[in-house]
Amino acid sequence: MEERRRHVRVRPFPDYPLQVILKADPVSFALQVFDLSVRGLGLQLTDIEPAPKVGDELRLSVGVPGAAPFEARAILRHLGAGPRTGMAGVELVGLTDEQGSLLRKCVGELLERGMPG
C-alpha cells in the first residue's frame, strides 16, 4: 500500500486539549481529532449534515494549547470506508507562518511525549 502522507502525524493525548470546530452555516460541529501533522488533521466526520465530499473546502476553527483558536481552510482529501467510515483526512491550506509554527510546536510536543523515557 502506498503511503499518502507527506508529513509525520501524531496522536493527541487525552490531556492535550486540541479543539477543532467545523463551521458549517447555520451550525457548527465540534470534531474529534485522531491525529495531526504540520499540514493536516485526521478527524471524525460522522453525523455531519450535509456530509462533506472529497475535494470539498471546509472552514475550521483550530484551538491548540497555549494559543487563541485560529480560523483555517482545509481540503477534504480522504474519507474512510468500511470500519473506518466517518474518519477523514484534511489538508490545511493557506496557513500563516504563525499558524504553521503553532502546529509544528504541537507536533513536536506530542512526539516528545510519545517517546519512551
Protein backbone atom coordinates (compact mmCIF):
# COMPACT_ATOMS: atom_id res chain seq x y z
CA MET A 1 0.00 0.00 0.00
CA GLU A 2 1.35 3.41 -0.97
CA GLU A 3 1.76 5.96 1.82
CA ARG A 4 -0.23 9.15 1.06
CA ARG A 5 1.12 11.24 3.91
CA ARG A 6 3.87 13.77 3.33
CA HIS A 7 4.26 14.80 6.98
CA VAL A 8 4.67 12.85 10.20
CA ARG A 9 1.39 12.51 12.09
CA VAL A 10 0.99 12.24 15.83
CA ARG A 11 -1.93 11.25 18.01
CA PRO A 12 -3.04 13.73 20.65
CA PHE A 13 -3.03 12.60 24.27
CA PRO A 14 -6.33 12.85 26.22
CA ASP A 15 -4.84 15.58 28.42
CA TYR A 16 -3.59 17.61 25.42
CA PRO A 17 -6.51 19.88 24.52
CA LEU A 18 -6.98 20.19 20.77
CA GLN A 19 -10.25 21.68 19.61
CA VAL A 20 -11.43 21.65 16.02
CA ILE A 21 -14.79 23.09 15.06
CA LEU A 22 -16.27 22.74 11.59
CA LYS A 23 -18.03 25.98 10.67
CA ALA A 24 -21.00 24.91 8.54
CA ASP A 25 -23.72 27.51 8.15
CA PRO A 26 -26.01 27.72 10.00
CA VAL A 27 -24.44 25.40 12.61
CA SER A 28 -21.01 24.34 13.79
CA PHE A 29 -19.76 20.88 14.75
CA ALA A 30 -17.07 20.03 17.32
CA LEU A 31 -14.89 17.34 15.75
CA GLN A 32 -12.81 14.60 17.33
CA VAL A 33 -9.13 14.79 16.32
CA PHE A 34 -7.45 11.42 15.69
CA ASP A 35 -4.10 12.75 14.57
CA LEU A 36 -2.36 15.88 13.37
CA SER A 37 0.61 16.98 11.34
CA VAL A 38 2.07 20.35 10.42
CA ARG A 39 -0.28 20.49 7.42
CA GLY A 40 -3.21 18.23 8.17
CA LEU A 41 -5.63 16.59 10.56
CA GLY A 42 -7.31 13.23 10.94
CA LEU A 43 -10.89 13.93 12.01
CA GLN A 44 -14.15 12.12 12.77
CA LEU A 45 -16.88 13.46 10.46
CA THR A 46 -19.76 11.19 11.48
CA ASP A 47 -23.20 12.87 11.73
CA ILE A 48 -22.21 15.97 9.74
CA GLU A 49 -25.12 17.08 7.54
CA PRO A 50 -24.81 17.63 4.71
CA ALA A 51 -21.94 15.13 4.55
CA PRO A 52 -18.81 16.68 3.01
CA LYS A 53 -17.23 15.01 -0.02
CA VAL A 54 -13.60 14.51 -1.04
CA GLY A 55 -12.37 17.76 -2.56
CA ASP A 56 -14.71 19.99 -0.53
CA GLU A 57 -13.23 23.01 1.21
CA LEU A 58 -14.05 23.17 4.93
CA ARG A 59 -13.88 26.14 7.28
CA LEU A 60 -12.36 25.17 10.62
CA SER A 61 -11.60 26.81 13.92
CA VAL A 62 -8.46 25.18 15.35
CA GLY A 63 -7.58 25.52 19.02
CA VAL A 64 -4.21 24.35 20.33
CA PRO A 65 -2.73 24.60 23.84
CA GLY A 66 -1.33 28.00 24.77
CA ALA A 67 -2.85 29.96 21.87
CA ALA A 68 -6.12 31.52 20.81
CA PRO A 69 -8.11 29.45 18.28
CA PHE A 70 -7.47 30.37 14.65
CA GLU A 71 -9.57 30.09 11.52
CA ALA A 72 -8.25 27.74 8.83
CA ARG A 73 -9.27 26.45 5.43
CA ALA A 74 -8.99 22.73 4.84
CA ILE A 75 -9.47 20.50 1.81
CA LEU A 76 -11.06 17.11 2.45
CA ARG A 77 -8.52 14.69 0.95
CA HIS A 78 -9.70 11.30 2.17
CA LEU A 79 -12.79 9.63 3.60
CA GLY A 80 -12.62 6.27 5.35
CA ALA A 81 -14.68 3.32 4.20
CA GLY A 82 -15.90 0.15 5.89
CA PRO A 83 -14.98 0.08 9.59
CA ARG A 84 -13.25 3.46 9.17
CA THR A 85 -16.40 5.22 7.92
CA GLY A 86 -16.55 8.78 9.21
CA MET A 87 -12.79 9.12 9.55
CA ALA A 88 -11.40 11.80 7.28
CA GLY A 89 -8.09 13.33 6.37
CA VAL A 90 -7.92 17.04 5.67
CA GLU A 91 -5.10 19.20 4.37
CA LEU A 92 -4.81 22.65 5.92
CA VAL A 93 -4.25 25.27 3.24
CA GLY A 94 -3.28 28.94 3.34
CA LEU A 95 -1.84 28.84 6.86
CA THR A 96 0.04 31.86 8.09
CA ASP A 97 3.61 31.46 9.36
CA GLU A 98 2.31 31.85 12.92
CA GLN A 99 -0.33 29.14 12.45
CA GLY A 100 2.26 26.81 10.93
CA SER A 101 4.56 27.46 13.88
CA LEU A 102 1.78 26.60 16.33
CA LEU A 103 1.15 23.29 14.59
CA ARG A 104 4.89 22.48 14.44
CA LYS A 105 5.11 23.16 18.18
CA CYS A 106 2.15 20.84 18.88
CA VAL A 107 3.58 18.04 16.73
CA GLY A 108 6.97 18.44 18.42
CA GLU A 109 5.46 18.35 21.91
CA LEU A 110 3.39 15.28 21.13
CA LEU A 111 6.35 13.49 19.52
CA GLU A 112 8.45 14.24 22.59
CA ARG A 113 5.75 12.98 24.96
CA GLY A 114 5.28 9.83 22.94
CA MET A 115 8.93 8.82 23.01
CA PRO A 116 9.97 6.26 25.63
CA GLY A 117 11.83 7.74 28.55
